Amino acid sequence: MKIGFVSLPVSGHLNPMTALARKLQKRGHEIVFIGELDAEPAVRAANLPFESYCEQEHPAGSVAKMWGPIAKLNGLDVMQYQTSEISPRLLKAALKRLPEKLVETGVEGLVLDAVHVHVQLVPMSLGIPFVQVWNVLHLDISGTTPPMFFNWPHEVSPEARARNMDGLKTMGTLFATNLAVAKAYANEKGLQIDWSDPSATRSKLAVVTQTPREFDFEGAPWPAHFHYAGPLHDDEGREPIPFPWEKLTGEPLIYASLGSLVNGQPRIYRAIL
């Protein structure tokens, strides 16, 4: 089967998606990774076929410009910027360019980044089966557990559930611009979607999270096709990164790992130092 992969073009998403793609490739499937030009080095390092799209909207160097301001943001400000400045741009370009790329490459099934929100409308309009992968913490839309953007404790009470639902409404407000783009595309393609149902456009085949089951809250009513499968990791499929091994002296070494995006806050570096 020829399987296409579509991911957000940032390392925290490309690393697990290329790991999964390589695993499917080893099982005999033909793989093609479709992405923005800035994703190409990571995909090529994983020895995977790469097809670029959205070159006009997102030429080389666009990723750093789009996501750069997030580095110094914090909390919901990160989501506010992502949903207002980045997600709608990515979605508009994907909805415009992905259909022709899927036809051109002859993809028979798709693996989609779950937080590339509403890009699944493309395979839905073309009748192509798709599954979704949560490369970040997955989102419980039932209100049973706290949405992953909030640091609330997991509590089983009517008050906690009401709080969780309010959090989901806040997130819905943040994604309003993205939703408007999605609705316009769905109307254009004649897709009948119940937008009052948050799960209406989710994959009915499989939704995969790379969060281990042991790290998740209990009680969320996940459907049978929701799968814990993480972490998705492949040491051999990464770009080589130079390290000054010759400077190691045998003294204690401190290793600090930051996220792909929110990594420009001076207070964090002061704490590490």
Protein backbone atom coordinates (compact mmCIF):
# COMPACT_ATOMS: atom_id res chain seq x y z
CA MET A 1 0.00 0.00 0.00
CA LYS A 2 1.25 3.50 -0.80
CA ILE A 3 0.94 5.58 2.36
CA GLY A 4 1.38 9.35 2.53
CA PHE A 5 2.49 11.19 5.64
CA VAL A 6 1.59 14.83 6.36
CA SER A 7 3.07 16.50 9.45
CA LEU A 8 3.60 19.92 10.90
CA PRO A 9 7.09 20.96 9.73
CA VAL A 10 8.72 21.22 13.17
CA SER A 11 11.11 18.73 14.77
CA GLY A 12 8.86 17.65 17.64
CA HIS A 13 6.38 16.38 15.03
CA LEU A 14 8.73 15.28 12.26
CA ASN A 15 10.81 13.05 14.55
CA PRO A 16 7.95 10.76 15.64
CA MET A 17 6.23 10.86 12.24
CA THR A 18 9.39 9.82 10.38
CA ALA A 19 9.95 7.07 12.96
CA LEU A 20 6.47 5.73 12.29
CA ALA A 21 6.95 6.07 8.53
CA ARG A 22 10.17 4.06 8.68
CA LYS A 23 8.44 1.33 10.67
CA LEU A 24 5.69 1.05 8.04
CA GLN A 25 8.31 1.10 5.31
CA LYS A 26 10.07 -1.88 6.93
CA ARG A 27 6.74 -3.73 6.88
CA GLY A 28 6.68 -3.47 3.10
CA HIS A 29 4.58 -0.38 2.50
CA GLU A 30 5.57 2.29 -0.01
CA ILE A 31 5.97 5.60 1.81
CA VAL A 32 5.93 9.20 0.61
CA PHE A 33 6.31 12.12 3.01
CA ILE A 34 4.53 15.28 1.84
CA GLY A 35 5.55 18.53 3.47
CA GLU A 36 6.84 22.08 3.35
CA LEU A 37 10.36 22.60 2.00
CA ASP A 38 11.77 23.13 5.50
CA ALA A 39 10.76 19.58 6.43
CA GLU A 40 12.86 18.03 3.68
CA PRO A 41 16.22 17.73 5.55
CA ALA A 42 14.65 15.80 8.44
CA VAL A 43 12.74 13.50 6.09
CA ARG A 44 15.76 12.87 3.86
CA ALA A 45 17.89 12.11 6.94
CA ALA A 46 15.38 9.37 7.75
CA ASN A 47 15.93 7.96 4.23
CA LEU A 48 12.31 8.52 3.27
CA PRO A 49 10.95 9.75 -0.09
CA PHE A 50 9.92 13.38 0.12
CA GLU A 51 7.51 15.46 -1.97
CA SER A 52 7.24 19.17 -1.32
CA TYR A 53 4.05 21.19 -1.55
CA CYS A 54 2.96 24.74 -0.72
CA GLU A 55 6.27 26.04 -2.10
CA GLN A 56 4.70 29.36 -3.09
CA GLU A 57 3.02 29.94 0.27
CA HIS A 58 5.88 28.59 2.39
CA PRO A 59 9.28 28.86 0.68
CA ALA A 60 12.45 27.64 2.39
CA GLY A 61 13.02 29.45 5.68
CA SER A 62 9.34 30.03 6.38
CA VAL A 63 9.15 27.72 9.40
CA ALA A 64 11.63 29.73 11.46
CA LYS A 65 9.82 32.94 10.60
CA MET A 66 6.38 31.55 11.42
CA TRP A 67 7.21 29.81 14.67
CA GLY A 68 10.08 32.03 15.85
CA PRO A 69 7.96 34.44 17.95
CA ILE A 70 6.56 31.50 19.98
CA ALA A 71 9.97 30.91 21.59
CA LYS A 72 9.45 33.63 24.19
CA LEU A 73 5.74 33.15 24.82
CA ASN A 74 4.18 31.24 27.69
CA GLY A 75 0.94 29.42 28.55
CA LEU A 76 -2.15 30.19 26.47
CA ASP A 77 -0.25 32.96 24.66
CA VAL A 78 1.48 30.16 22.76
CA MET A 79 -1.87 28.75 21.66
CA GLN A 80 -3.23 32.19 20.84
CA TYR A 81 -0.34 32.86 18.47
CA GLN A 82 -0.44 29.36 16.98
CA THR A 83 -4.16 29.45 16.27
CA SER A 84 -4.34 33.01 14.98
CA GLU A 85 -1.07 33.40 13.08
CA ILE A 86 0.06 29.93 12.03
CA SER A 87 -2.70 27.30 11.86
CA PRO A 88 -5.00 29.19 9.45
CA ARG A 89 -2.10 29.90 7.08
CA LEU A 90 -0.98 26.27 7.08
CA LEU A 91 -4.53 25.01 6.60
CA LYS A 92 -5.35 27.36 3.70
CA ALA A 93 -2.20 26.30 1.87
CA ALA A 94 -2.76 22.60 2.56
CA LEU A 95 -6.38 22.66 1.41
CA LYS A 96 -5.28 24.37 -1.80
CA ARG A 97 -2.20 22.28 -2.63
CA LEU A 98 -2.61 18.86 -1.01
CA PRO A 99 -5.39 17.47 -3.27
CA GLU A 100 -3.31 17.75 -6.43
CA LYS A 101 -0.24 16.36 -4.65
CA LEU A 102 -2.19 13.29 -3.48
CA VAL A 103 -3.42 12.64 -7.01
CA GLU A 104 0.08 13.19 -8.41
CA THR A 105 1.75 10.77 -5.97
CA GLY A 106 -0.97 8.12 -6.13
CA VAL A 107 -1.33 7.87 -2.35
CA GLU A 108 -3.80 5.19 -1.23
CA GLY A 109 -3.95 6.08 2.46
CA LEU A 110 -2.81 8.93 4.70
CA VAL A 111 -1.23 9.30 8.13
CA LEU A 112 -1.98 12.80 9.37
CA ASP A 113 -0.61 14.89 12.21
CA ALA A 114 -3.63 15.30 14.51
CA VAL A 115 -2.78 18.91 15.34
CA HIS A 116 -2.56 19.89 11.67
CA VAL A 117 -6.17 20.79 12.35
CA HIS A 118 -8.80 20.09 9.67
CA VAL A 119 -6.33 19.01 6.98
CA GLN A 120 -8.26 15.71 7.12
CA LEU A 121 -10.95 17.43 5.04
CA VAL A 122 -8.78 16.78 1.99
CA PRO A 123 -8.80 12.97 2.18
CA MET A 124 -12.44 13.11 3.23
CA SER A 125 -13.29 15.00 0.03
CA LEU A 126 -11.24 12.58 -2.10
CA GLY A 127 -12.46 9.37 -0.45
CA ILE A 128 -8.96 8.45 0.76
CA PRO A 129 -8.76 6.57 4.09
CA PHE A 130 -6.75 8.29 6.80
CA VAL A 131 -5.57 7.84 10.37
CA GLN A 132 -4.40 10.53 12.79
CA VAL A 133 -1.39 10.61 15.08
CA TRP A 134 -1.09 12.74 18.22
CA ASN A 135 2.59 13.74 18.33
CA VAL A 136 1.75 16.03 21.25
CA LEU A 137 -0.46 15.23 24.24
CA HIS A 138 -3.82 14.08 22.94
CA LEU A 139 -7.01 16.01 23.65
CA ASP A 140 -9.97 14.53 25.54
CA ILE A 141 -13.05 16.29 24.15
CA SER A 142 -15.47 14.63 26.59
CA GLY A 143 -14.64 16.88 29.55
CA THR A 144 -13.80 13.85 31.68
CA THR A 145 -10.15 14.88 32.01
CA PRO A 146 -8.45 18.31 31.86
CA PRO A 147 -7.58 19.55 28.35
CA MET A 148 -3.85 19.18 27.82
CA PHE A 149 -3.24 22.94 27.58
CA PHE A 150 -4.16 23.47 31.24
CA ASN A 151 -2.26 22.40 34.36
CA TRP A 152 -5.38 21.42 36.29
CA PRO A 153 -5.39 18.26 38.43
CA HIS A 154 -7.58 15.35 37.37
CA GLU A 155 -10.62 15.26 39.63
CA VAL A 156 -13.82 13.26 39.37
CA SER A 157 -16.59 15.69 40.32
CA PRO A 158 -19.31 17.75 38.60
CA GLU A 159 -17.29 20.91 39.33
CA ALA A 160 -14.16 19.50 37.70
CA ARG A 161 -16.10 18.37 34.64
CA ALA A 162 -17.68 21.82 34.29
CA ARG A 163 -14.21 23.39 34.57
CA ASN A 164 -12.87 21.01 31.90
CA MET A 165 -15.76 21.86 29.56
CA ASP A 166 -15.08 25.57 30.04
CA GLY A 167 -11.47 24.88 29.07
CA LEU A 168 -12.61 23.14 25.90
CA LYS A 169 -14.83 26.11 25.05
CA THR A 170 -11.84 28.43 25.47
CA MET A 171 -9.86 26.28 23.06
CA GLY A 172 -12.77 26.30 20.62
CA THR A 173 -12.72 30.09 20.66
CA LEU A 174 -9.00 30.10 19.89
CA PHE A 175 -9.55 27.88 16.84
CA ALA A 176 -12.43 29.94 15.45
CA THR A 177 -10.42 31.30 12.51
CA ASN A 178 -9.22 27.83 11.58
CA LEU A 179 -12.77 26.51 11.80
CA ALA A 180 -14.03 29.21 9.45
CA VAL A 181 -11.46 28.15 6.84
CA ALA A 182 -12.47 24.51 7.29
CA LYS A 183 -16.20 25.21 6.96
CA ALA A 184 -15.70 27.17 3.75
CA TYR A 185 -13.73 24.30 2.22
CA ALA A 186 -16.26 21.70 3.36
CA ASN A 187 -19.10 23.70 1.81
CA GLU A 188 -17.16 24.08 -1.44
CA LYS A 189 -16.58 20.31 -1.63
CA GLY A 190 -20.10 19.38 -0.57
CA LEU A 191 -19.04 17.64 2.64
CA GLN A 192 -21.90 17.14 5.08
CA ILE A 193 -20.38 17.67 8.52
CA ASP A 194 -22.06 18.11 11.89
CA TRP A 195 -19.84 20.88 13.24
CA SER A 196 -21.54 20.67 16.64
CA ASP A 197 -19.79 17.30 17.09
CA PRO A 198 -16.07 17.88 17.87
CA SER A 199 -15.27 14.34 16.69
CA ALA A 200 -17.10 14.64 13.36
CA THR A 201 -13.95 14.93 11.26
CA ARG A 202 -11.71 12.65 13.30
CA SER A 203 -10.55 9.40 11.73
CA LYS A 204 -12.93 6.49 12.17
CA LEU A 205 -10.15 4.01 11.35
CA ALA A 206 -7.48 4.82 13.94
CA VAL A 207 -6.36 7.64 16.20
CA VAL A 208 -2.90 6.98 17.62
CA THR A 209 -1.17 8.79 20.47
CA GLN A 210 2.50 8.51 21.27
CA THR A 211 1.74 9.25 24.92
CA PRO A 212 2.16 5.98 26.87
CA ARG A 213 -1.03 4.73 28.52
CA GLU A 214 0.68 4.91 31.92
CA PHE A 215 1.11 8.69 31.58
CA ASP A 216 -2.53 9.39 30.78
CA PHE A 217 -5.38 10.29 33.11
CA GLU A 218 -7.91 7.56 33.79
CA GLY A 219 -11.56 7.54 32.81
CA ALA A 220 -11.61 9.22 29.38
CA PRO A 221 -14.15 7.45 27.12
CA TRP A 222 -11.83 6.71 24.24
CA PRO A 223 -13.34 4.83 21.27
CA ALA A 224 -12.13 1.36 20.32
CA HIS A 225 -9.99 2.75 17.48
CA PHE A 226 -7.97 4.99 19.85
CA HIS A 227 -4.55 3.47 20.46
CA TYR A 228 -1.65 4.16 22.82
CA ALA A 229 1.46 3.38 20.78
CA GLY A 230 4.25 5.60 22.03
CA PRO A 231 6.82 6.71 22.27
CA LEU A 232 7.53 6.83 18.53
CA HIS A 233 11.30 6.99 18.37
CA ASP A 234 14.00 6.01 15.89
CA ASP A 235 17.65 6.75 16.66
CA GLU A 236 18.82 5.90 13.16
CA GLY A 237 16.50 8.24 11.29
CA ARG A 238 17.79 11.59 12.50
CA GLU A 239 19.97 14.33 11.08
CA PRO A 240 23.52 14.06 12.50
CA ILE A 241 24.23 16.72 15.11
CA PRO A 242 27.87 17.50 15.93
CA PHE A 243 28.93 17.30 19.58
CA PRO A 244 32.33 18.29 21.01
CA TRP A 245 33.10 14.92 22.60
CA GLU A 246 36.75 15.94 22.95
CA LYS A 247 35.77 18.53 25.55
CA LEU A 248 34.41 15.93 27.96
CA THR A 249 36.77 15.56 30.92
CA GLY A 250 35.01 13.01 33.06
CA GLU A 251 33.51 15.69 35.28
CA PRO A 252 29.74 15.67 35.94
CA LEU A 253 27.70 16.59 32.86
CA ILE A 254 24.33 18.34 32.93
CA TYR A 255 21.97 17.52 30.08
CA ALA A 256 19.00 19.83 29.50
CA SER A 257 16.38 19.19 26.82
CA LEU A 258 14.02 21.92 25.64
CA GLY A 259 10.98 21.73 23.41
CA SER A 260 10.96 22.47 19.70
CA LEU A 261 9.26 25.84 20.00
CA VAL A 262 8.95 27.39 23.47
CA ASN A 263 12.68 27.56 24.08
CA GLY A 264 13.63 31.24 24.22
CA GLN A 265 12.79 32.20 27.79
CA PRO A 266 15.81 33.58 29.68
CA ARG A 267 14.51 32.38 33.06
CA ILE A 268 14.73 28.78 31.88
CA TYR A 269 18.35 29.17 30.85
CA ARG A 270 19.15 30.89 34.14
CA ALA A 271 17.63 27.96 36.00
CA ILE A 272 19.71 25.50 33.96
CA LEU A 273 22.92 27.47 34.45
